[in-house]
Amino acid sequence: MINQVALTGRLTKEVDLRYTQGGTAVASFTLAVERNFTNAQGERESDFLNCVIWRKSAENFANFTRKGSLVGIEGRLQTRSYDNAQGQRVFITEVVVDNFALLESRATTEARPRGEQSPQQRQQGVQNPGRGNYNRSSQNAAQRPQQANTDPFAHQSAPTIKDEDLPF
């Protein structure tokens, strides 16, 4: 069986970084992914997909992205369920992210205003040490080779997500 997802889109809000009781980092975010076709009015619509990422990757993702950041993610679909306060079973389908890439320049990302940090981020003292392409690698940022300041995706147009497209 194959359960593989690869998406490119923009973050609809700041990443919500939390920690489990055992101290494991988990971040959740919503990714706006533009559709490849237009609707009857000639406009492109977007899908808003819930995603979750774990451990050090979650901390890196939360530290190095902002609302509106263009990111690529790889992972798998997962469905979970719980009983809400009214006793109804609620099903949630989300992308569990295994790997990510930042798809815009550091300067572009840093030009975006940083939203308010969550209480968990303030409590844990999460800082914004810089930008870069970080994924599941355990290699330190200081050990990473410096790359030329070229954008391999410069020839592609980024999805256009307007505030009125967001569901909140």
N, C-alpha and C. Protein backbone atom coordinates (compact mmCIF):
# COMPACT_ATOMS: atom_id res chain seq x y z
N MET A 1 0.84 -1.18 0.00
CA MET A 1 0.00 0.00 0.00
C MET A 1 0.89 1.25 0.00
N ILE A 2 0.44 2.27 -0.68
CA ILE A 2 1.18 3.52 -0.73
C ILE A 2 0.36 4.61 -0.07
N ASN A 3 0.97 5.32 0.86
CA ASN A 3 0.37 6.47 1.51
C ASN A 3 1.43 7.54 1.55
N GLN A 4 1.50 8.32 0.48
CA GLN A 4 2.54 9.32 0.33
C GLN A 4 1.92 10.62 -0.16
N VAL A 5 2.32 11.72 0.47
CA VAL A 5 1.79 13.04 0.12
C VAL A 5 2.96 13.98 -0.10
N ALA A 6 2.91 14.76 -1.16
CA ALA A 6 3.88 15.82 -1.41
C ALA A 6 3.08 17.07 -1.79
N LEU A 7 3.26 18.14 -1.03
CA LEU A 7 2.48 19.36 -1.24
C LEU A 7 3.39 20.58 -1.23
N THR A 8 2.99 21.59 -1.98
CA THR A 8 3.62 22.89 -1.94
C THR A 8 2.52 23.91 -1.70
N GLY A 9 2.71 24.76 -0.71
CA GLY A 9 1.71 25.77 -0.41
C GLY A 9 2.23 26.79 0.57
N ARG A 10 1.32 27.63 1.04
CA ARG A 10 1.66 28.70 1.98
C ARG A 10 0.98 28.48 3.32
N LEU A 11 1.69 28.85 4.38
CA LEU A 11 1.12 28.73 5.72
C LEU A 11 0.03 29.77 5.89
N THR A 12 -1.11 29.36 6.44
CA THR A 12 -2.23 30.28 6.61
C THR A 12 -2.15 31.07 7.90
N LYS A 13 -1.32 30.62 8.84
CA LYS A 13 -1.14 31.31 10.12
C LYS A 13 0.16 30.82 10.73
N GLU A 14 0.55 31.41 11.86
CA GLU A 14 1.76 30.98 12.54
C GLU A 14 1.62 29.52 12.97
N VAL A 15 2.71 28.81 12.97
CA VAL A 15 2.75 27.41 13.38
C VAL A 15 2.49 27.33 14.88
N ASP A 16 1.66 26.37 15.30
CA ASP A 16 1.34 26.17 16.71
C ASP A 16 2.26 25.07 17.27
N LEU A 17 3.32 25.48 17.97
CA LEU A 17 4.28 24.55 18.54
C LEU A 17 3.90 24.25 19.98
N ARG A 18 3.79 22.96 20.31
CA ARG A 18 3.47 22.53 21.66
C ARG A 18 4.42 21.41 22.06
N TYR A 19 4.33 21.01 23.31
CA TYR A 19 5.14 19.91 23.81
C TYR A 19 4.23 18.93 24.56
N THR A 20 4.47 17.63 24.33
CA THR A 20 3.71 16.61 25.05
C THR A 20 4.18 16.59 26.49
N GLN A 21 3.48 15.85 27.34
CA GLN A 21 3.89 15.73 28.74
C GLN A 21 5.28 15.12 28.85
N GLY A 22 5.64 14.30 27.90
CA GLY A 22 6.97 13.70 27.88
C GLY A 22 8.05 14.62 27.31
N GLY A 23 7.68 15.82 26.86
CA GLY A 23 8.64 16.78 26.34
C GLY A 23 8.89 16.70 24.84
N THR A 24 8.09 15.92 24.12
CA THR A 24 8.26 15.80 22.67
C THR A 24 7.57 16.97 21.97
N ALA A 25 8.29 17.62 21.08
CA ALA A 25 7.74 18.76 20.33
C ALA A 25 6.78 18.26 19.26
N VAL A 26 5.65 18.97 19.13
CA VAL A 26 4.69 18.69 18.06
C VAL A 26 4.15 20.04 17.58
N ALA A 27 4.15 20.22 16.27
CA ALA A 27 3.66 21.48 15.69
C ALA A 27 2.53 21.17 14.72
N SER A 28 1.51 22.00 14.75
CA SER A 28 0.41 21.86 13.80
C SER A 28 0.28 23.15 13.02
N PHE A 29 -0.14 23.01 11.77
CA PHE A 29 -0.29 24.17 10.90
C PHE A 29 -1.25 23.82 9.78
N THR A 30 -1.72 24.85 9.10
CA THR A 30 -2.60 24.67 7.95
C THR A 30 -1.88 25.19 6.72
N LEU A 31 -1.90 24.38 5.68
CA LEU A 31 -1.23 24.71 4.43
C LEU A 31 -2.28 25.01 3.36
N ALA A 32 -2.19 26.18 2.73
CA ALA A 32 -3.08 26.54 1.63
C ALA A 32 -2.42 26.11 0.33
N VAL A 33 -3.07 25.20 -0.39
CA VAL A 33 -2.53 24.67 -1.64
C VAL A 33 -3.48 25.05 -2.77
N GLU A 34 -2.95 25.81 -3.71
CA GLU A 34 -3.77 26.29 -4.83
C GLU A 34 -4.06 25.14 -5.80
N ARG A 35 -5.28 25.10 -6.29
CA ARG A 35 -5.67 24.08 -7.27
C ARG A 35 -5.12 24.43 -8.65
N ASN A 36 -4.99 23.42 -9.51
CA ASN A 36 -4.40 23.62 -10.83
C ASN A 36 -5.39 24.16 -11.86
N PHE A 37 -6.64 24.30 -11.50
CA PHE A 37 -7.66 24.73 -12.45
C PHE A 37 -8.44 25.91 -11.87
N THR A 38 -9.20 26.57 -12.73
CA THR A 38 -10.00 27.71 -12.29
C THR A 38 -11.46 27.31 -12.18
N ASN A 39 -12.21 28.08 -11.38
CA ASN A 39 -13.64 27.82 -11.24
C ASN A 39 -14.40 28.51 -12.36
N ALA A 40 -15.72 28.51 -12.30
CA ALA A 40 -16.56 29.07 -13.36
C ALA A 40 -16.32 30.58 -13.55
N GLN A 41 -15.88 31.25 -12.49
CA GLN A 41 -15.59 32.70 -12.57
C GLN A 41 -14.16 32.97 -13.03
N GLY A 42 -13.41 31.92 -13.34
CA GLY A 42 -12.03 32.10 -13.81
C GLY A 42 -11.02 32.30 -12.70
N GLU A 43 -11.41 32.05 -11.45
CA GLU A 43 -10.51 32.23 -10.32
C GLU A 43 -10.00 30.89 -9.83
N ARG A 44 -8.78 30.91 -9.32
CA ARG A 44 -8.21 29.70 -8.73
C ARG A 44 -8.70 29.58 -7.29
N GLU A 45 -9.05 28.36 -6.90
CA GLU A 45 -9.44 28.09 -5.53
C GLU A 45 -8.30 27.38 -4.83
N SER A 46 -8.35 27.33 -3.51
CA SER A 46 -7.31 26.68 -2.73
C SER A 46 -7.92 25.66 -1.78
N ASP A 47 -7.14 24.66 -1.45
CA ASP A 47 -7.51 23.70 -0.42
C ASP A 47 -6.69 24.03 0.82
N PHE A 48 -7.30 23.89 1.99
CA PHE A 48 -6.64 24.19 3.25
C PHE A 48 -6.48 22.88 4.00
N LEU A 49 -5.23 22.43 4.10
CA LEU A 49 -4.94 21.11 4.63
C LEU A 49 -4.25 21.20 5.99
N ASN A 50 -4.80 20.47 6.96
CA ASN A 50 -4.21 20.44 8.30
C ASN A 50 -3.02 19.50 8.29
N CYS A 51 -1.94 19.93 8.95
CA CYS A 51 -0.70 19.16 8.97
C CYS A 51 -0.15 19.12 10.39
N VAL A 52 0.62 18.10 10.68
CA VAL A 52 1.29 17.97 11.98
C VAL A 52 2.70 17.45 11.73
N ILE A 53 3.65 17.95 12.51
CA ILE A 53 5.05 17.55 12.40
C ILE A 53 5.60 17.38 13.81
N TRP A 54 6.50 16.42 13.99
CA TRP A 54 6.96 16.01 15.32
C TRP A 54 8.44 16.25 15.55
N ARG A 55 8.84 16.28 16.80
CA ARG A 55 10.20 16.29 17.32
C ARG A 55 11.00 17.51 16.88
N LYS A 56 12.27 17.34 16.63
CA LYS A 56 13.15 18.46 16.28
C LYS A 56 12.70 19.14 14.99
N SER A 57 12.16 18.36 14.07
CA SER A 57 11.64 18.95 12.83
C SER A 57 10.53 19.95 13.15
N ALA A 58 9.71 19.65 14.15
CA ALA A 58 8.62 20.56 14.54
C ALA A 58 9.20 21.88 15.06
N GLU A 59 10.22 21.79 15.89
CA GLU A 59 10.84 23.01 16.42
C GLU A 59 11.46 23.83 15.29
N ASN A 60 12.20 23.16 14.39
CA ASN A 60 12.81 23.87 13.27
C ASN A 60 11.75 24.51 12.38
N PHE A 61 10.69 23.76 12.07
CA PHE A 61 9.64 24.29 11.20
C PHE A 61 9.00 25.53 11.83
N ALA A 62 8.71 25.47 13.13
CA ALA A 62 8.10 26.61 13.82
C ALA A 62 9.05 27.80 13.87
N ASN A 63 10.34 27.55 14.06
CA ASN A 63 11.31 28.64 14.16
C ASN A 63 11.61 29.32 12.84
N PHE A 64 11.54 28.58 11.73
CA PHE A 64 12.02 29.09 10.47
C PHE A 64 10.93 29.42 9.46
N THR A 65 9.67 29.45 9.90
CA THR A 65 8.57 29.82 9.02
C THR A 65 7.71 30.89 9.68
N ARG A 66 6.93 31.53 8.87
CA ARG A 66 5.98 32.53 9.33
C ARG A 66 4.71 32.40 8.52
N LYS A 67 3.65 33.05 8.95
CA LYS A 67 2.41 33.07 8.18
C LYS A 67 2.74 33.56 6.77
N GLY A 68 2.28 32.81 5.77
CA GLY A 68 2.53 33.17 4.38
C GLY A 68 3.76 32.53 3.78
N SER A 69 4.58 31.85 4.59
CA SER A 69 5.79 31.21 4.07
C SER A 69 5.43 30.14 3.04
N LEU A 70 6.21 30.09 1.97
CA LEU A 70 6.04 29.08 0.93
C LEU A 70 6.89 27.88 1.32
N VAL A 71 6.26 26.73 1.52
CA VAL A 71 6.96 25.53 1.95
C VAL A 71 6.54 24.34 1.11
N GLY A 72 7.42 23.37 1.03
CA GLY A 72 7.11 22.07 0.44
C GLY A 72 7.17 21.04 1.55
N ILE A 73 6.22 20.13 1.58
CA ILE A 73 6.21 19.10 2.61
C ILE A 73 6.05 17.72 1.98
N GLU A 74 6.57 16.72 2.66
CA GLU A 74 6.37 15.33 2.29
C GLU A 74 5.91 14.60 3.54
N GLY A 75 4.99 13.68 3.36
CA GLY A 75 4.50 12.93 4.50
C GLY A 75 3.46 11.92 4.09
N ARG A 76 2.53 11.66 5.01
CA ARG A 76 1.48 10.68 4.77
C ARG A 76 0.18 11.17 5.37
N LEU A 77 -0.94 10.69 4.83
CA LEU A 77 -2.25 11.02 5.37
C LEU A 77 -2.54 10.10 6.55
N GLN A 78 -3.18 10.67 7.56
CA GLN A 78 -3.56 9.89 8.73
C GLN A 78 -4.92 10.39 9.22
N THR A 79 -5.77 9.46 9.59
CA THR A 79 -7.08 9.81 10.15
C THR A 79 -7.12 9.35 11.59
N ARG A 80 -7.58 10.23 12.46
CA ARG A 80 -7.75 9.87 13.87
C ARG A 80 -9.14 10.32 14.29
N SER A 81 -9.58 9.86 15.45
CA SER A 81 -10.91 10.25 15.90
C SER A 81 -10.90 10.42 17.41
N TYR A 82 -11.89 11.17 17.89
CA TYR A 82 -12.10 11.35 19.32
C TYR A 82 -13.57 11.65 19.56
N ASP A 83 -14.02 11.53 20.79
CA ASP A 83 -15.39 11.86 21.17
C ASP A 83 -15.40 13.27 21.74
N ASN A 84 -16.22 14.16 21.16
CA ASN A 84 -16.28 15.53 21.64
C ASN A 84 -17.14 15.64 22.90
N ALA A 85 -17.31 16.85 23.40
CA ALA A 85 -18.05 17.07 24.65
C ALA A 85 -19.52 16.66 24.53
N GLN A 86 -20.07 16.65 23.32
CA GLN A 86 -21.46 16.24 23.11
C GLN A 86 -21.58 14.73 22.90
N GLY A 87 -20.48 14.01 23.00
CA GLY A 87 -20.50 12.56 22.84
C GLY A 87 -20.48 12.09 21.40
N GLN A 88 -20.25 13.00 20.47
CA GLN A 88 -20.20 12.63 19.05
C GLN A 88 -18.77 12.29 18.65
N ARG A 89 -18.63 11.31 17.80
CA ARG A 89 -17.31 10.93 17.30
C ARG A 89 -16.90 11.90 16.20
N VAL A 90 -15.72 12.48 16.35
CA VAL A 90 -15.19 13.44 15.39
C VAL A 90 -13.97 12.81 14.72
N PHE A 91 -13.94 12.83 13.38
CA PHE A 91 -12.82 12.29 12.62
C PHE A 91 -11.99 13.44 12.06
N ILE A 92 -10.69 13.31 12.14
CA ILE A 92 -9.77 14.32 11.64
C ILE A 92 -8.78 13.63 10.69
N THR A 93 -8.67 14.15 9.49
CA THR A 93 -7.68 13.67 8.54
C THR A 93 -6.64 14.77 8.39
N GLU A 94 -5.38 14.41 8.53
CA GLU A 94 -4.30 15.39 8.45
C GLU A 94 -3.08 14.76 7.80
N VAL A 95 -2.17 15.62 7.37
CA VAL A 95 -0.91 15.17 6.81
C VAL A 95 0.11 15.11 7.95
N VAL A 96 0.71 13.95 8.16
CA VAL A 96 1.80 13.81 9.12
C VAL A 96 3.09 14.02 8.33
N VAL A 97 3.77 15.12 8.60
CA VAL A 97 4.92 15.56 7.81
C VAL A 97 6.18 14.81 8.25
N ASP A 98 6.88 14.24 7.28
CA ASP A 98 8.15 13.58 7.53
C ASP A 98 9.33 14.48 7.17
N ASN A 99 9.13 15.37 6.20
CA ASN A 99 10.22 16.17 5.67
C ASN A 99 9.65 17.48 5.14
N PHE A 100 10.42 18.54 5.19
CA PHE A 100 9.96 19.80 4.62
C PHE A 100 11.12 20.57 4.01
N ALA A 101 10.76 21.52 3.15
CA ALA A 101 11.75 22.41 2.54
C ALA A 101 11.16 23.81 2.51
N LEU A 102 12.00 24.79 2.81
CA LEU A 102 11.60 26.19 2.72
C LEU A 102 11.85 26.64 1.29
N LEU A 103 10.83 27.16 0.63
CA LEU A 103 10.90 27.40 -0.81
C LEU A 103 10.99 28.87 -1.20
N GLU A 104 11.36 29.71 -0.26
CA GLU A 104 11.58 31.11 -0.60
C GLU A 104 12.83 31.58 0.14
N SER A 105 13.34 32.71 -0.29
CA SER A 105 14.59 33.20 0.28
C SER A 105 14.42 33.60 1.74
N ARG A 106 15.52 33.59 2.43
CA ARG A 106 15.54 33.99 3.84
C ARG A 106 15.06 35.43 3.98
N ALA A 107 15.49 36.30 3.10
CA ALA A 107 15.10 37.71 3.16
C ALA A 107 13.60 37.88 3.00
N THR A 108 13.00 37.13 2.08
CA THR A 108 11.55 37.21 1.87
C THR A 108 10.80 36.78 3.11
N THR A 109 11.23 35.68 3.71
CA THR A 109 10.57 35.19 4.91
C THR A 109 10.73 36.16 6.06
N GLU A 110 11.93 36.68 6.26
CA GLU A 110 12.18 37.58 7.38
C GLU A 110 11.49 38.93 7.20
N ALA A 111 11.13 39.29 5.97
CA ALA A 111 10.42 40.54 5.73
C ALA A 111 8.98 40.47 6.24
N ARG A 112 8.46 39.26 6.41
CA ARG A 112 7.10 39.10 6.93
C ARG A 112 7.08 39.37 8.42
N PRO A 113 6.05 40.06 8.91
CA PRO A 113 5.98 40.28 10.36
C PRO A 113 5.73 38.96 11.08
N ARG A 114 6.37 38.78 12.19
CA ARG A 114 6.21 37.58 13.01
C ARG A 114 4.94 37.76 13.84
N GLY A 115 4.09 36.74 13.82
CA GLY A 115 2.87 36.77 14.63
C GLY A 115 3.20 36.53 16.09
N GLU A 116 2.19 36.61 16.91
CA GLU A 116 2.34 36.38 18.34
C GLU A 116 2.73 34.94 18.60
N GLN A 117 3.71 34.72 19.48
CA GLN A 117 4.08 33.36 19.85
C GLN A 117 3.02 32.76 20.75
N SER A 118 2.86 31.45 20.65
CA SER A 118 1.91 30.76 21.51
C SER A 118 2.46 30.74 22.94
N PRO A 119 1.60 30.54 23.96
CA PRO A 119 2.09 30.45 25.34
C PRO A 119 3.14 29.36 25.50
N GLN A 120 2.99 28.24 24.76
CA GLN A 120 3.97 27.17 24.87
C GLN A 120 5.33 27.62 24.33
N GLN A 121 5.32 28.40 23.25
CA GLN A 121 6.58 28.87 22.70
C GLN A 121 7.26 29.85 23.66
N ARG A 122 6.47 30.74 24.29
CA ARG A 122 7.05 31.68 25.25
C ARG A 122 7.59 30.93 26.46
N GLN A 123 6.86 29.92 26.94
CA GLN A 123 7.27 29.15 28.10
C GLN A 123 8.56 28.39 27.82
N GLN A 124 8.69 27.82 26.63
CA GLN A 124 9.87 27.05 26.28
C GLN A 124 11.02 27.94 25.81
N GLY A 125 10.77 29.24 25.65
CA GLY A 125 11.83 30.15 25.23
C GLY A 125 12.24 29.94 23.79
N VAL A 126 11.30 29.59 22.92
CA VAL A 126 11.61 29.37 21.51
C VAL A 126 12.00 30.71 20.89
N GLN A 127 13.15 30.74 20.29
CA GLN A 127 13.67 31.95 19.66
C GLN A 127 13.65 31.78 18.16
N ASN A 128 13.98 32.84 17.46
CA ASN A 128 14.06 32.82 16.01
C ASN A 128 15.52 32.98 15.61
N PRO A 129 16.31 31.89 15.62
CA PRO A 129 17.74 32.02 15.38
C PRO A 129 18.13 32.30 13.94
N GLY A 130 17.26 32.17 13.00
CA GLY A 130 17.62 32.41 11.61
C GLY A 130 16.76 31.59 10.68
N ARG A 131 17.11 31.60 9.43
CA ARG A 131 16.34 30.88 8.43
C ARG A 131 17.25 29.89 7.72
N GLY A 132 16.67 28.86 7.12
CA GLY A 132 17.44 27.92 6.35
C GLY A 132 16.59 26.74 5.94
N ASN A 133 17.15 25.85 5.16
CA ASN A 133 16.45 24.61 4.80
C ASN A 133 16.81 23.55 5.81
N TYR A 134 15.87 23.20 6.65
CA TYR A 134 16.09 22.22 7.69
C TYR A 134 15.06 21.13 7.53
N ASN A 135 15.46 19.89 7.78
CA ASN A 135 14.52 18.79 7.73
C ASN A 135 14.88 17.80 8.81
N ARG A 136 14.69 16.52 8.59
CA ARG A 136 14.88 15.52 9.62
C ARG A 136 16.34 15.27 9.97
N SER A 137 17.24 15.88 9.28
CA SER A 137 18.65 15.67 9.55
C SER A 137 19.00 16.14 10.94
N SER A 138 19.84 15.39 11.62
CA SER A 138 20.27 15.78 12.96
C SER A 138 21.53 16.63 12.90
N GLN A 139 21.98 16.93 11.70
CA GLN A 139 23.19 17.72 11.52
C GLN A 139 22.94 19.15 12.01
N ASN A 140 23.87 19.71 12.72
CA ASN A 140 23.78 21.06 13.25
C ASN A 140 23.78 22.09 12.13
N ALA A 141 23.15 23.22 12.36
CA ALA A 141 23.15 24.29 11.37
C ALA A 141 24.58 24.78 11.12
N ALA A 142 25.40 24.79 12.16
CA ALA A 142 26.78 25.24 12.01
C ALA A 142 27.59 24.28 11.15
N GLN A 143 27.18 23.03 11.09
CA GLN A 143 27.90 22.04 10.32
C GLN A 143 27.43 21.97 8.88
N ARG A 144 26.33 22.64 8.55
CA ARG A 144 25.78 22.58 7.21
C ARG A 144 26.66 23.42 6.26
N PRO A 145 26.90 22.93 5.07
CA PRO A 145 27.66 23.74 4.11
C PRO A 145 26.86 24.95 3.67
N GLN A 146 27.54 26.04 3.46
CA GLN A 146 26.88 27.25 2.98
C GLN A 146 26.52 27.07 1.51
N GLN A 147 25.32 27.46 1.15
CA GLN A 147 24.88 27.33 -0.22
C GLN A 147 24.82 28.70 -0.87
N ALA A 148 24.96 28.71 -2.17
CA ALA A 148 24.85 29.97 -2.91
C ALA A 148 23.46 30.53 -2.73
N ASN A 149 23.33 31.83 -2.78
CA ASN A 149 22.05 32.48 -2.56
C ASN A 149 21.25 32.49 -3.87
N THR A 150 20.93 31.31 -4.38
CA THR A 150 20.14 31.18 -5.59
C THR A 150 18.85 30.47 -5.25
N ASP A 151 17.80 30.84 -5.91
CA ASP A 151 16.47 30.25 -5.67
C ASP A 151 16.17 29.28 -6.80
N PRO A 152 16.16 27.95 -6.51
CA PRO A 152 15.91 26.99 -7.59
C PRO A 152 14.48 27.04 -8.10
N PHE A 153 13.60 27.73 -7.40
CA PHE A 153 12.20 27.78 -7.80
C PHE A 153 11.83 29.16 -8.36
N ALA A 154 12.83 29.96 -8.69
CA ALA A 154 12.58 31.31 -9.17
C ALA A 154 11.78 31.32 -10.47
N HIS A 155 11.92 30.29 -11.28
CA HIS A 155 11.21 30.24 -12.56
C HIS A 155 9.74 29.87 -12.39
N GLN A 156 9.35 29.41 -11.20
CA GLN A 156 7.96 29.02 -10.95
C GLN A 156 7.23 30.16 -10.25
N SER A 157 5.98 30.32 -10.58
CA SER A 157 5.20 31.34 -9.88
C SER A 157 4.62 30.74 -8.61
N ALA A 158 4.66 31.50 -7.54
CA ALA A 158 4.13 31.05 -6.26
C ALA A 158 2.61 31.19 -6.26
N PRO A 159 1.92 30.32 -5.52
CA PRO A 159 0.46 30.45 -5.43
C PRO A 159 0.09 31.80 -4.82
N THR A 160 -0.99 32.37 -5.29
CA THR A 160 -1.47 33.62 -4.76
C THR A 160 -2.62 33.34 -3.81
N ILE A 161 -2.39 33.57 -2.53
CA ILE A 161 -3.41 33.35 -1.51
C ILE A 161 -3.74 34.70 -0.92
N LYS A 162 -4.99 35.12 -1.06
CA LYS A 162 -5.43 36.40 -0.51
C LYS A 162 -6.07 36.16 0.85
N ASP A 163 -6.10 37.19 1.70
CA ASP A 163 -6.70 37.06 3.02
C ASP A 163 -8.15 36.59 2.95
N GLU A 164 -8.87 37.03 1.91
CA GLU A 164 -10.28 36.62 1.81
C GLU A 164 -10.44 35.16 1.43
N ASP A 165 -9.35 34.50 0.97
CA ASP A 165 -9.38 33.08 0.67
C ASP A 165 -9.27 32.22 1.92
N LEU A 166 -8.73 32.79 2.99
CA LEU A 166 -8.51 32.03 4.21
C LEU A 166 -9.82 31.79 4.94
N PRO A 167 -9.98 30.60 5.54
CA PRO A 167 -11.27 30.24 6.15
C PRO A 167 -11.47 30.84 7.55
N PHE A 168 -10.63 31.73 7.99
CA PHE A 168 -10.77 32.29 9.34
C PHE A 168 -10.54 33.77 9.34
